[in-house]
PDB file of N, CA and C in Angstrom:
ATOM      1  N   UNK A   1      -0.913  -3.775 -17.750  1.00  0.00           N
ATOM      2  CA  UNK A   1      -0.197  -2.898 -18.653  1.00  0.00           C
ATOM      3  C   UNK A   1       0.331  -3.722 -19.818  1.00  0.00           C
ATOM      4  N   UNK A   2       0.334  -3.155 -20.973  1.00  0.00           N
ATOM      5  CA  UNK A   2       0.766  -3.882 -22.155  1.00  0.00           C
ATOM      6  C   UNK A   2       2.180  -4.411 -22.039  1.00  0.00           C
ATOM      7  N   UNK A   3       2.381  -5.659 -22.505  1.00  0.00           N
ATOM      8  CA  UNK A   3       3.711  -6.223 -22.512  1.00  0.00           C
ATOM      9  C   UNK A   3       4.143  -6.845 -21.204  1.00  0.00           C
ATOM     10  N   UNK A   4       3.284  -6.946 -20.234  1.00  0.00           N
ATOM     11  CA  UNK A   4       3.621  -7.540 -18.941  1.00  0.00           C
ATOM     12  C   UNK A   4       3.265  -9.019 -18.949  1.00  0.00           C
ATOM     13  N   UNK A   5       4.060  -9.824 -18.259  1.00  0.00           N
ATOM     14  CA  UNK A   5       3.797 -11.254 -18.139  1.00  0.00           C
ATOM     15  C   UNK A   5       2.883 -11.526 -16.958  1.00  0.00           C
ATOM     16  N   UNK A   6       2.092 -12.566 -17.084  1.00  0.00           N
ATOM     17  CA  UNK A   6       1.258 -13.033 -15.981  1.00  0.00           C
ATOM     18  C   UNK A   6       1.604 -14.494 -15.742  1.00  0.00           C
ATOM     19  N   UNK A   7       2.010 -14.816 -14.514  1.00  0.00           N
ATOM     20  CA  UNK A   7       2.316 -16.194 -14.159  1.00  0.00           C
ATOM     21  C   UNK A   7       1.203 -16.700 -13.265  1.00  0.00           C
ATOM     22  N   UNK A   8       0.633 -17.837 -13.615  1.00  0.00           N
ATOM     23  CA  UNK A   8      -0.474 -18.414 -12.857  1.00  0.00           C
ATOM     24  C   UNK A   8      -0.004 -19.739 -12.274  1.00  0.00           C
ATOM     25  N   UNK A   9      -0.211 -19.885 -10.953  1.00  0.00           N
ATOM     26  CA  UNK A   9       0.191 -21.111 -10.267  1.00  0.00           C
ATOM     27  C   UNK A   9      -0.772 -22.245 -10.540  1.00  0.00           C
ATOM     28  N   UNK A  10      -0.759 -23.246  -9.679  1.00  0.00           N
ATOM     29  CA  UNK A  10      -1.588 -24.430  -9.880  1.00  0.00           C
ATOM     30  C   UNK A  10      -2.944 -24.344  -9.194  1.00  0.00           C
ATOM     31  N   UNK A  11      -3.134 -23.394  -8.271  1.00  0.00           N
ATOM     32  CA  UNK A  11      -4.398 -23.258  -7.544  1.00  0.00           C
ATOM     33  C   UNK A  11      -5.412 -22.434  -8.328  1.00  0.00           C
ATOM     34  N   UNK A  12      -6.612 -22.301  -7.758  1.00  0.00           N
ATOM     35  CA  UNK A  12      -7.655 -21.482  -8.393  1.00  0.00           C
ATOM     36  C   UNK A  12      -7.180 -20.034  -8.555  1.00  0.00           C
ATOM     37  N   UNK A  13      -7.615 -19.430  -9.641  1.00  0.00           N
ATOM     38  CA  UNK A  13      -7.171 -18.073  -9.955  1.00  0.00           C
ATOM     39  C   UNK A  13      -8.370 -17.207 -10.314  1.00  0.00           C
ATOM     40  N   UNK A  14      -8.379 -15.979  -9.774  1.00  0.00           N
ATOM     41  CA  UNK A  14      -9.326 -14.959 -10.214  1.00  0.00           C
ATOM     42  C   UNK A  14      -8.496 -13.881 -10.872  1.00  0.00           C
ATOM     43  N   UNK A  15      -8.848 -13.531 -12.071  1.00  0.00           N
ATOM     44  CA  UNK A  15      -8.084 -12.554 -12.815  1.00  0.00           C
ATOM     45  C   UNK A  15      -9.015 -11.449 -13.294  1.00  0.00           C
ATOM     46  N   UNK A  16      -8.686 -10.221 -12.970  1.00  0.00           N
ATOM     47  CA  UNK A  16      -9.459  -9.070 -13.436  1.00  0.00           C
ATOM     48  C   UNK A  16      -8.591  -8.276 -14.408  1.00  0.00           C
ATOM     49  N   UNK A  17      -9.151  -7.959 -15.540  1.00  0.00           N
ATOM     50  CA  UNK A  17      -8.441  -7.176 -16.547  1.00  0.00           C
ATOM     51  C   UNK A  17      -9.144  -5.834 -16.720  1.00  0.00           C
ATOM     52  N   UNK A  18      -8.346  -4.799 -16.901  1.00  0.00           N
ATOM     53  CA  UNK A  18      -8.887  -3.477 -17.157  1.00  0.00           C
ATOM     54  C   UNK A  18      -8.396  -3.036 -18.527  1.00  0.00           C
ATOM     55  N   UNK A  19      -9.328  -2.693 -19.385  1.00  0.00           N
ATOM     56  CA  UNK A  19      -8.975  -2.239 -20.728  1.00  0.00           C
ATOM     57  C   UNK A  19      -9.151  -0.732 -20.797  1.00  0.00           C
ATOM     58  N   UNK A  20      -8.279  -0.081 -21.521  1.00  0.00           N
ATOM     59  CA  UNK A  20      -8.356   1.360 -21.658  1.00  0.00           C
ATOM     60  C   UNK A  20      -8.399   1.763 -23.116  1.00  0.00           C
ATOM     61  N   UNK A  21      -8.563   3.052 -23.341  1.00  0.00           N
ATOM     62  CA  UNK A  21      -8.657   3.572 -24.705  1.00  0.00           C
ATOM     63  C   UNK A  21      -7.367   4.211 -25.173  1.00  0.00           C
ATOM     64  N   UNK A  22      -6.306   4.008 -24.472  1.00  0.00           N
ATOM     65  CA  UNK A  22      -5.039   4.569 -24.918  1.00  0.00           C
ATOM     66  C   UNK A  22      -4.277   5.194 -23.771  1.00  0.00           C
ATOM     67  N   UNK A  23      -3.004   5.365 -24.014  1.00  0.00           N
ATOM     68  CA  UNK A  23      -2.116   5.936 -23.018  1.00  0.00           C
ATOM     69  C   UNK A  23      -2.023   7.453 -23.200  1.00  0.00           C
ATOM     70  N   UNK A  24      -1.663   8.133 -22.124  1.00  0.00           N
ATOM     71  CA  UNK A  24      -1.405   9.566 -22.188  1.00  0.00           C
ATOM     72  C   UNK A  24       0.087   9.832 -22.322  1.00  0.00           C
ATOM     73  N   UNK A  25       0.424  11.082 -22.605  1.00  0.00           N
ATOM     74  CA  UNK A  25       1.808  11.521 -22.720  1.00  0.00           C
ATOM     75  C   UNK A  25       1.947  12.866 -22.022  1.00  0.00           C
ATOM     76  N   UNK A  26       3.038  13.028 -21.286  1.00  0.00           N
ATOM     77  CA  UNK A  26       3.335  14.313 -20.666  1.00  0.00           C
ATOM     78  C   UNK A  26       4.650  14.831 -21.235  1.00  0.00           C
ATOM     79  N   UNK A  27       4.601  16.021 -21.794  1.00  0.00           N
ATOM     80  CA  UNK A  27       5.792  16.744 -22.218  1.00  0.00           C
ATOM     81  C   UNK A  27       5.948  17.913 -21.252  1.00  0.00           C
ATOM     82  N   UNK A  28       7.179  18.241 -20.925  1.00  0.00           N
ATOM     83  CA  UNK A  28       7.349  19.339 -19.994  1.00  0.00           C
ATOM     84  C   UNK A  28       8.740  19.896 -19.985  1.00  0.00           C
ATOM     85  N   UNK A  29       8.942  20.799 -19.027  1.00  0.00           N
ATOM     86  CA  UNK A  29      10.242  21.419 -18.851  1.00  0.00           C
ATOM     87  C   UNK A  29      10.553  21.484 -17.355  1.00  0.00           C
ATOM     88  N   UNK A  30      11.799  21.134 -17.014  1.00  0.00           N
ATOM     89  CA  UNK A  30      12.282  21.188 -15.635  1.00  0.00           C
ATOM     90  C   UNK A  30      12.936  22.553 -15.423  1.00  0.00           C
ATOM     91  N   UNK A  31      12.479  23.275 -14.403  1.00  0.00           N
ATOM     92  CA  UNK A  31      12.923  24.646 -14.169  1.00  0.00           C
ATOM     93  C   UNK A  31      13.517  24.826 -12.777  1.00  0.00           C
ATOM     94  N   UNK A  32      14.515  25.705 -12.697  1.00  0.00           N
ATOM     95  CA  UNK A  32      15.027  26.166 -11.406  1.00  0.00           C
ATOM     96  C   UNK A  32      14.982  27.688 -11.457  1.00  0.00           C
ATOM     97  N   UNK A  33      14.150  28.249 -10.585  1.00  0.00           N
ATOM     98  CA  UNK A  33      13.946  29.702 -10.535  1.00  0.00           C
ATOM     99  C   UNK A  33      13.591  30.264 -11.915  1.00  0.00           C
ATOM    100  N   UNK A  34      12.729  29.534 -12.626  1.00  0.00           N
ATOM    101  CA  UNK A  34      12.239  29.982 -13.916  1.00  0.00           C
ATOM    102  C   UNK A  34      13.122  29.687 -15.110  1.00  0.00           C
ATOM    103  N   UNK A  35      14.279  29.073 -14.889  1.00  0.00           N
ATOM    104  CA  UNK A  35      15.207  28.775 -15.981  1.00  0.00           C
ATOM    105  C   UNK A  35      15.304  27.269 -16.200  1.00  0.00           C
ATOM    106  N   UNK A  36      15.217  26.811 -17.456  1.00  0.00           N
ATOM    107  CA  UNK A  36      15.319  25.376 -17.746  1.00  0.00           C
ATOM    108  C   UNK A  36      16.709  24.844 -17.415  1.00  0.00           C
ATOM    109  N   UNK A  37      16.750  23.595 -16.940  1.00  0.00           N
ATOM    110  CA  UNK A  37      18.031  22.945 -16.627  1.00  0.00           C
ATOM    111  C   UNK A  37      18.060  21.547 -17.202  1.00  0.00           C
ATOM    112  N   UNK A  38      19.241  21.159 -17.661  1.00  0.00           N
ATOM    113  CA  UNK A  38      19.437  19.827 -18.217  1.00  0.00           C
ATOM    114  C   UNK A  38      19.929  18.864 -17.145  1.00  0.00           C
ATOM    115  N   UNK A  39      19.817  17.580 -17.450  1.00  0.00           N
ATOM    116  CA  UNK A  39      20.400  16.535 -16.613  1.00  0.00           C
ATOM    117  C   UNK A  39      19.684  16.266 -15.303  1.00  0.00           C
ATOM    118  N   UNK A  40      18.442  16.706 -15.167  1.00  0.00           N
ATOM    119  CA  UNK A  40      17.690  16.473 -13.935  1.00  0.00           C
ATOM    120  C   UNK A  40      16.782  15.254 -14.105  1.00  0.00           C
ATOM    121  N   UNK A  41      16.613  14.519 -13.025  1.00  0.00           N
ATOM    122  CA  UNK A  41      15.731  13.353 -13.068  1.00  0.00           C
ATOM    123  C   UNK A  41      14.282  13.821 -12.920  1.00  0.00           C
ATOM    124  N   UNK A  42      13.455  13.413 -13.863  1.00  0.00           N
ATOM    125  CA  UNK A  42      12.030  13.728 -13.837  1.00  0.00           C
ATOM    126  C   UNK A  42      11.297  12.412 -13.597  1.00  0.00           C
ATOM    127  N   UNK A  43      10.416  12.411 -12.600  1.00  0.00           N
ATOM    128  CA  UNK A  43       9.732  11.177 -12.207  1.00  0.00           C
ATOM    129  C   UNK A  43       8.229  11.410 -12.208  1.00  0.00           C
ATOM    130  N   UNK A  44       7.504  10.512 -12.833  1.00  0.00           N
ATOM    131  CA  UNK A  44       6.048  10.498 -12.774  1.00  0.00           C
ATOM    132  C   UNK A  44       5.668   9.498 -11.694  1.00  0.00           C
ATOM    133  N   UNK A  45       5.047   9.999 -10.625  1.00  0.00           N
ATOM    134  CA  UNK A  45       4.706   9.173  -9.468  1.00  0.00           C
ATOM    135  C   UNK A  45       3.198   8.934  -9.456  1.00  0.00           C
ATOM    136  N   UNK A  46       2.763   7.673  -9.485  1.00  0.00           N
ATOM    137  CA  UNK A  46       1.322   7.402  -9.444  1.00  0.00           C
ATOM    138  C   UNK A  46       0.733   7.768  -8.090  1.00  0.00           C
ATOM    139  N   UNK A  47      -0.573   8.027  -8.074  1.00  0.00           N
ATOM    140  CA  UNK A  47      -1.268   8.377  -6.827  1.00  0.00           C
ATOM    141  C   UNK A  47      -0.988   7.328  -5.743  1.00  0.00           C
ATOM    142  N   UNK A  48      -0.945   6.061  -6.142  1.00  0.00           N
ATOM    143  CA  UNK A  48      -0.572   4.984  -5.231  1.00  0.00           C
ATOM    144  C   UNK A  48       0.827   4.514  -5.624  1.00  0.00           C
ATOM    145  N   UNK A  49       1.873   5.009  -4.933  1.00  0.00           N
ATOM    146  CA  UNK A  49       3.243   4.672  -5.321  1.00  0.00           C
ATOM    147  C   UNK A  49       3.583   3.180  -5.232  1.00  0.00           C
ATOM    148  N   UNK A  50       2.715   2.383  -4.627  1.00  0.00           N
ATOM    149  CA  UNK A  50       2.959   0.939  -4.586  1.00  0.00           C
ATOM    150  C   UNK A  50       2.774   0.311  -5.965  1.00  0.00           C
ATOM    151  N   UNK A  51       2.137   1.023  -6.885  1.00  0.00           N
ATOM    152  CA  UNK A  51       1.911   0.512  -8.239  1.00  0.00           C
ATOM    153  C   UNK A  51       3.141   0.797  -9.103  1.00  0.00           C
ATOM    154  N   UNK A  52       4.185   0.022  -8.868  1.00  0.00           N
ATOM    155  CA  UNK A  52       5.484   0.232  -9.514  1.00  0.00           C
ATOM    156  C   UNK A  52       5.444   0.323 -11.046  1.00  0.00           C
ATOM    157  N   UNK A  53       4.650  -0.494 -11.745  1.00  0.00           N
ATOM    158  CA  UNK A  53       4.671  -0.413 -13.219  1.00  0.00           C
ATOM    159  C   UNK A  53       4.163   0.921 -13.770  1.00  0.00           C
ATOM    160  N   UNK A  54       3.488   1.730 -12.954  1.00  0.00           N
ATOM    161  CA  UNK A  54       2.937   2.988 -13.439  1.00  0.00           C
ATOM    162  C   UNK A  54       3.941   4.143 -13.408  1.00  0.00           C
ATOM    163  N   UNK A  55       5.058   3.966 -12.714  1.00  0.00           N
ATOM    164  CA  UNK A  55       6.088   5.007 -12.683  1.00  0.00           C
ATOM    165  C   UNK A  55       6.652   5.229 -14.083  1.00  0.00           C
ATOM    166  N   UNK A  56       7.034   6.457 -14.370  1.00  0.00           N
ATOM    167  CA  UNK A  56       7.781   6.796 -15.575  1.00  0.00           C
ATOM    168  C   UNK A  56       8.927   7.698 -15.126  1.00  0.00           C
ATOM    169  N   UNK A  57      10.025   7.669 -15.880  1.00  0.00           N
ATOM    170  CA  UNK A  57      11.186   8.474 -15.512  1.00  0.00           C
ATOM    171  C   UNK A  57      11.897   8.926 -16.769  1.00  0.00           C
ATOM    172  N   UNK A  58      12.458  10.129 -16.706  1.00  0.00           N
ATOM    173  CA  UNK A  58      13.217  10.663 -17.825  1.00  0.00           C
ATOM    174  C   UNK A  58      14.291  11.595 -17.271  1.00  0.00           C
ATOM    175  N   UNK A  59      15.179  12.019 -18.147  1.00  0.00           N
ATOM    176  CA  UNK A  59      16.199  13.011 -17.796  1.00  0.00           C
ATOM    177  C   UNK A  59      15.937  14.237 -18.651  1.00  0.00           C
ATOM    178  N   UNK A  60      15.977  15.418 -18.031  1.00  0.00           N
ATOM    179  CA  UNK A  60      15.744  16.635 -18.805  1.00  0.00           C
ATOM    180  C   UNK A  60      16.879  16.840 -19.816  1.00  0.00           C
ATOM    181  N   UNK A  61      16.498  17.259 -21.023  1.00  0.00           N
ATOM    182  CA  UNK A  61      17.443  17.473 -22.121  1.00  0.00           C
ATOM    183  C   UNK A  61      18.185  18.795 -21.940  1.00  0.00           C
ATOM    184  N   UNK A  62      19.023  19.135 -22.905  1.00  0.00           N
ATOM    185  CA  UNK A  62      19.850  20.343 -22.810  1.00  0.00           C
ATOM    186  C   UNK A  62      19.020  21.622 -22.693  1.00  0.00           C
ATOM    187  N   UNK A  63      17.779  21.594 -23.181  1.00  0.00           N
ATOM    188  CA  UNK A  63      16.893  22.753 -23.058  1.00  0.00           C
ATOM    189  C   UNK A  63      15.906  22.608 -21.900  1.00  0.00           C
ATOM    190  N   UNK A  64      16.119  21.605 -21.040  1.00  0.00           N
ATOM    191  CA  UNK A  64      15.260  21.386 -19.871  1.00  0.00           C
ATOM    192  C   UNK A  64      14.010  20.577 -20.142  1.00  0.00           C
ATOM    193  N   UNK A  65      13.775  20.215 -21.410  1.00  0.00           N
ATOM    194  CA  UNK A  65      12.545  19.495 -21.740  1.00  0.00           C
ATOM    195  C   UNK A  65      12.665  18.004 -21.432  1.00  0.00           C
ATOM    196  N   UNK A  66      11.508  17.385 -21.264  1.00  0.00           N
ATOM    197  CA  UNK A  66      11.430  15.946 -21.022  1.00  0.00           C
ATOM    198  C   UNK A  66      10.136  15.420 -21.607  1.00  0.00           C
ATOM    199  N   UNK A  67      10.058  14.099 -21.749  1.00  0.00           N
ATOM    200  CA  UNK A  67       8.850  13.431 -22.233  1.00  0.00           C
ATOM    201  C   UNK A  67       8.616  12.173 -21.412  1.00  0.00           C
ATOM    202  N   UNK A  68       7.371  12.006 -20.968  1.00  0.00           N
ATOM    203  CA  UNK A  68       6.944  10.818 -20.230  1.00  0.00           C
ATOM    204  C   UNK A  68       5.837  10.163 -21.054  1.00  0.00           C
ATOM    205  N   UNK A  69       6.161   9.096 -21.809  1.00  0.00           N
ATOM    206  CA  UNK A  69       5.182   8.468 -22.704  1.00  0.00           C
ATOM    207  C   UNK A  69       4.473   7.276 -22.064  1.00  0.00           C
ATOM    208  N   UNK A  70       3.478   6.776 -22.771  1.00  0.00           N
ATOM    209  CA  UNK A  70       2.784   5.522 -22.425  1.00  0.00           C
ATOM    210  C   UNK A  70       2.285   5.504 -20.984  1.00  0.00           C
ATOM    211  N   UNK A  71       1.553   6.560 -20.605  1.00  0.00           N
ATOM    212  CA  UNK A  71       1.043   6.675 -19.237  1.00  0.00           C
ATOM    213  C   UNK A  71      -0.362   6.105 -19.162  1.00  0.00           C
ATOM    214  N   UNK A  72      -0.560   5.162 -18.259  1.00  0.00           N
ATOM    215  CA  UNK A  72      -1.880   4.604 -17.998  1.00  0.00           C
ATOM    216  C   UNK A  72      -2.731   5.710 -17.363  1.00  0.00           C
ATOM    217  N   UNK A  73      -3.965   5.924 -17.835  1.00  0.00           N
ATOM    218  CA  UNK A  73      -4.798   6.970 -17.259  1.00  0.00           C
ATOM    219  C   UNK A  73      -4.914   6.844 -15.737  1.00  0.00           C
ATOM    220  N   UNK A  74      -4.884   7.986 -15.066  1.00  0.00           N
ATOM    221  CA  UNK A  74      -4.984   8.024 -13.617  1.00  0.00           C
ATOM    222  C   UNK A  74      -4.392   9.318 -13.078  1.00  0.00           C
ATOM    223  N   UNK A  75      -4.293   9.385 -11.746  1.00  0.00           N
ATOM    224  CA  UNK A  75      -3.773  10.575 -11.071  1.00  0.00           C
ATOM    225  C   UNK A  75      -2.296  10.369 -10.734  1.00  0.00           C
ATOM    226  N   UNK A  76      -1.495  11.411 -11.023  1.00  0.00           N
ATOM    227  CA  UNK A  76      -0.052  11.352 -10.848  1.00  0.00           C
ATOM    228  C   UNK A  76       0.483  12.676 -10.322  1.00  0.00           C
ATOM    229  N   UNK A  77       1.743  12.635  -9.887  1.00  0.00           N
ATOM    230  CA  UNK A  77       2.495  13.835  -9.564  1.00  0.00           C
ATOM    231  C   UNK A  77       3.820  13.757 -10.307  1.00  0.00           C
ATOM    232  N   UNK A  78       4.180  14.850 -10.988  1.00  0.00           N
ATOM    233  CA  UNK A  78       5.458  14.938 -11.697  1.00  0.00           C
ATOM    234  C   UNK A  78       6.418  15.719 -10.815  1.00  0.00           C
ATOM    235  N   UNK A  79       7.602  15.135 -10.563  1.00  0.00           N
ATOM    236  CA  UNK A  79       8.630  15.838  -9.804  1.00  0.00           C
ATOM    237  C   UNK A  79       9.925  15.843 -10.610  1.00  0.00           C
ATOM    238  N   UNK A  80      10.759  16.842 -10.341  1.00  0.00           N
ATOM    239  CA  UNK A  80      12.097  16.922 -10.946  1.00  0.00           C
ATOM    240  C   UNK A  80      13.086  17.116  -9.805  1.00  0.00           C
ATOM    241  N   UNK A  81      14.145  16.326  -9.816  1.00  0.00           N
ATOM    242  CA  UNK A  81      15.135  16.393  -8.733  1.00  0.00           C
ATOM    243  C   UNK A  81      16.546  16.442  -9.307  1.00  0.00           C
ATOM    244  N   UNK A  82      17.437  17.050  -8.543  1.00  0.00           N
ATOM    245  CA  UNK A  82      18.845  17.122  -8.935  1.00  0.00           C
ATOM    246  C   UNK A  82      19.579  15.840  -8.595  1.00  0.00           C
ATOM    247  N   UNK A  83      19.094  15.129  -7.597  1.00  0.00           N
ATOM    248  CA  UNK A  83      19.777  13.928  -7.108  1.00  0.00           C
ATOM    249  C   UNK A  83      19.470  12.719  -7.984  1.00  0.00           C
ATOM    250  N   UNK A  84      20.471  11.885  -8.187  1.00  0.00           N
ATOM    251  CA  UNK A  84      20.296  10.616  -8.879  1.00  0.00           C
ATOM    252  C   UNK A  84      20.632   9.453  -7.946  1.00  0.00           C
ATOM    253  N   UNK A  85      20.955   9.760  -6.685  1.00  0.00           N
ATOM    254  CA  UNK A  85      21.465   8.746  -5.770  1.00  0.00           C
ATOM    255  C   UNK A  85      20.451   8.310  -4.715  1.00  0.00           C
ATOM    256  N   UNK A  86      19.181   8.272  -5.062  1.00  0.00           N
ATOM    257  CA  UNK A  86      18.191   7.804  -4.097  1.00  0.00           C
ATOM    258  C   UNK A  86      17.220   6.835  -4.749  1.00  0.00           C
ATOM    259  N   UNK A  87      16.449   6.155  -3.930  1.00  0.00           N
ATOM    260  CA  UNK A  87      15.482   5.166  -4.408  1.00  0.00           C
ATOM    261  C   UNK A  87      14.240   5.889  -4.936  1.00  0.00           C
ATOM    262  N   UNK A  88      14.255   6.246  -6.210  1.00  0.00           N
ATOM    263  CA  UNK A  88      13.203   7.074  -6.797  1.00  0.00           C
ATOM    264  C   UNK A  88      11.833   6.410  -6.813  1.00  0.00           C
ATOM    265  N   UNK A  89      11.771   5.109  -6.649  1.00  0.00           N
ATOM    266  CA  UNK A  89      10.479   4.402  -6.661  1.00  0.00           C
ATOM    267  C   UNK A  89      10.003   4.037  -5.267  1.00  0.00           C
ATOM    268  N   UNK A  90      10.722   4.480  -4.218  1.00  0.00           N
ATOM    269  CA  UNK A  90      10.361   4.170  -2.835  1.00  0.00           C
ATOM    270  C   UNK A  90       9.436   5.253  -2.284  1.00  0.00           C
ATOM    271  N   UNK A  91       8.204   4.892  -1.854  1.00  0.00           N
ATOM    272  CA  UNK A  91       7.260   5.894  -1.354  1.00  0.00           C
ATOM    273  C   UNK A  91       7.813   6.751  -0.209  1.00  0.00           C
ATOM    274  N   UNK A  92       8.567   6.175   0.687  1.00  0.00           N
ATOM    275  CA  UNK A  92       9.133   6.935   1.796  1.00  0.00           C
ATOM    276  C   UNK A  92      10.147   7.965   1.343  1.00  0.00           C
ATOM    277  N   UNK A  93      10.955   7.603   0.371  1.00  0.00           N
ATOM    278  CA  UNK A  93      11.960   8.517  -0.160  1.00  0.00           C
ATOM    279  C   UNK A  93      11.299   9.647  -0.947  1.00  0.00           C
ATOM    280  N   UNK A  94      10.250   9.350  -1.678  1.00  0.00           N
ATOM    281  CA  UNK A  94       9.575  10.338  -2.518  1.00  0.00           C
ATOM    282  C   UNK A  94       8.691  11.303  -1.743  1.00  0.00           C
ATOM    283  N   UNK A  95       8.210  10.882  -0.610  1.00  0.00           N
ATOM    284  CA  UNK A  95       7.221  11.644   0.154  1.00  0.00           C
ATOM    285  C   UNK A  95       7.552  13.130   0.307  1.00  0.00           C
ATOM    286  N   UNK A  96       8.769  13.512   0.683  1.00  0.00           N
ATOM    287  CA  UNK A  96       9.057  14.942   0.866  1.00  0.00           C
ATOM    288  C   UNK A  96       8.996  15.761  -0.434  1.00  0.00           C
ATOM    289  N   UNK A  97       9.096  15.124  -1.570  1.00  0.00           N
ATOM    290  CA  UNK A  97       9.118  15.818  -2.853  1.00  0.00           C
ATOM    291  C   UNK A  97       7.725  16.030  -3.453  1.00  0.00           C
ATOM    292  N   UNK A  98       6.772  15.197  -3.068  1.00  0.00           N
ATOM    293  CA  UNK A  98       5.473  15.185  -3.740  1.00  0.00           C
ATOM    294  C   UNK A  98       4.672  16.464  -3.554  1.00  0.00           C
ATOM    295  N   UNK A  99       4.765  17.103  -2.398  1.00  0.00           N
ATOM    296  CA  UNK A  99       3.956  18.295  -2.144  1.00  0.00           C
ATOM    297  C   UNK A  99       4.338  19.455  -3.067  1.00  0.00           C
ATOM    298  N   UNK A 100       5.568  19.470  -3.571  1.00  0.00           N
ATOM    299  CA  UNK A 100       6.014  20.543  -4.460  1.00  0.00           C
ATOM    300  C   UNK A 100       5.989  20.134  -5.932  1.00  0.00           C
ATOM    301  N   UNK A 101       5.454  18.938  -6.202  1.00  0.00           N
ATOM    302  CA  UNK A 101       5.370  18.456  -7.573  1.00  0.00           C
ATOM    303  C   UNK A 101       4.159  19.014  -8.299  1.00  0.00           C
ATOM    304  N   UNK A 102       4.070  18.675  -9.576  1.00  0.00           N
ATOM    305  CA  UNK A 102       2.970  19.113 -10.429  1.00  0.00           C
ATOM    306  C   UNK A 102       1.964  17.975 -10.550  1.00  0.00           C
ATOM    307  N   UNK A 103       0.753  18.178 -10.066  1.00  0.00           N
ATOM    308  CA  UNK A 103      -0.285  17.153 -10.133  1.00  0.00           C
ATOM    309  C   UNK A 103      -0.914  17.141 -11.528  1.00  0.00           C
ATOM    310  N   UNK A 104      -1.154  15.923 -12.032  1.00  0.00           N
ATOM    311  CA  UNK A 104      -1.751  15.746 -13.355  1.00  0.00           C
ATOM    312  C   UNK A 104      -2.710  14.565 -13.297  1.00  0.00           C
ATOM    313  N   UNK A 105      -3.914  14.754 -13.817  1.00  0.00           N
ATOM    314  CA  UNK A 105      -4.836  13.630 -13.983  1.00  0.00           C
ATOM    315  C   UNK A 105      -4.858  13.283 -15.465  1.00  0.00           C
ATOM    316  N   UNK A 106      -4.258  12.148 -15.798  1.00  0.00           N
ATOM    317  CA  UNK A 106      -4.078  11.736 -17.185  1.00  0.00           C
ATOM    318  C   UNK A 106      -5.332  11.017 -17.672  1.00  0.00           C
ATOM    319  N   UNK A 107      -5.829  11.481 -18.810  1.00  0.00           N
ATOM    320  CA  UNK A 107      -6.981  10.876 -19.466  1.00  0.00           C
ATOM    321  C   UNK A 107      -6.479  10.046 -20.656  1.00  0.00           C
ATOM    322  N   UNK A 108      -7.278   9.073 -21.122  1.00  0.00           N
ATOM    323  CA  UNK A 108      -6.851   8.238 -22.250  1.00  0.00           C
ATOM    324  C   UNK A 108      -6.522   9.050 -23.498  1.00  0.00           C
ATOM    325  N   UNK A 109      -5.410   8.705 -24.125  1.00  0.00           N
ATOM    326  CA  UNK A 109      -4.993   9.247 -25.418  1.00  0.00           C
ATOM    327  C   UNK A 109      -4.863  10.769 -25.446  1.00  0.00           C
ATOM    328  N   UNK A 110      -4.530  11.384 -24.307  1.00  0.00           N
ATOM    329  CA  UNK A 110      -4.356  12.845 -24.266  1.00  0.00           C
ATOM    330  C   UNK A 110      -2.904  13.192 -24.030  1.00  0.00           C
ATOM    331  N   UNK A 111      -2.531  14.397 -24.446  1.00  0.00           N
ATOM    332  CA  UNK A 111      -1.176  14.905 -24.229  1.00  0.00           C
ATOM    333  C   UNK A 111      -1.254  16.107 -23.297  1.00  0.00           C
ATOM    334  N   UNK A 112      -0.260  16.223 -22.416  1.00  0.00           N
ATOM    335  CA  UNK A 112      -0.231  17.282 -21.415  1.00  0.00           C
ATOM    336  C   UNK A 112       1.099  18.009 -21.487  1.00  0.00           C
ATOM    337  N   UNK A 113       1.071  19.299 -21.154  1.00  0.00           N
ATOM    338  CA  UNK A 113       2.269  20.125 -21.050  1.00  0.00           C
ATOM    339  C   UNK A 113       2.377  20.577 -19.595  1.00  0.00           C
ATOM    340  N   UNK A 114       3.541  20.357 -18.978  1.00  0.00           N
ATOM    341  CA  UNK A 114       3.729  20.786 -17.587  1.00  0.00           C
ATOM    342  C   UNK A 114       5.074  21.489 -17.423  1.00  0.00           C
ATOM    343  N   UNK A 115       5.134  22.332 -16.414  1.00  0.00           N
ATOM    344  CA  UNK A 115       6.383  22.934 -15.956  1.00  0.00           C
ATOM    345  C   UNK A 115       6.548  22.482 -14.522  1.00  0.00           C
ATOM    346  N   UNK A 116       7.721  21.968 -14.209  1.00  0.00           N
ATOM    347  CA  UNK A 116       7.959  21.449 -12.868  1.00  0.00           C
ATOM    348  C   UNK A 116       9.245  22.058 -12.312  1.00  0.00           C
ATOM    349  N   UNK A 117       9.150  22.530 -11.071  1.00  0.00           N
ATOM    350  CA  UNK A 117      10.290  23.144 -10.396  1.00  0.00           C
ATOM    351  C   UNK A 117      11.229  22.053  -9.892  1.00  0.00           C
ATOM    352  N   UNK A 118      12.509  22.208 -10.140  1.00  0.00           N
ATOM    353  CA  UNK A 118      13.512  21.242  -9.697  1.00  0.00           C
ATOM    354  C   UNK A 118      13.699  21.364  -8.186  1.00  0.00           C
ATOM    355  N   UNK A 119      13.723  20.226  -7.529  1.00  0.00           N
ATOM    356  CA  UNK A 119      13.897  20.205  -6.080  1.00  0.00           C
ATOM    357  C   UNK A 119      15.267  19.664  -5.715  1.00  0.00           C
TER     358      UNK A 119
END
């Protein structure tokens, strides 16, 4: 991912690089029973939650909208939660929320619009 450091030790190294054609963006609205809500945590969870750098997070604005920029192409789930007191990047903690999230397959340089129900 752009802007990340790579530290190489003294032993032999194999390095694989993946180049892409651009990042995606997700714009959306966090809803509870069809009504937008502010102040909710919105999390973009990668298909493999162990890939920590791929997570994105935002807080819904006063009109319930949010933006998740600079997304590496791949498969994700967008969730919105009322709680701010949990380990949002921990796969075990996130597991119960993922089934009710909004699935998105992000393509290079594309923009997406989603509506996600607050859990």
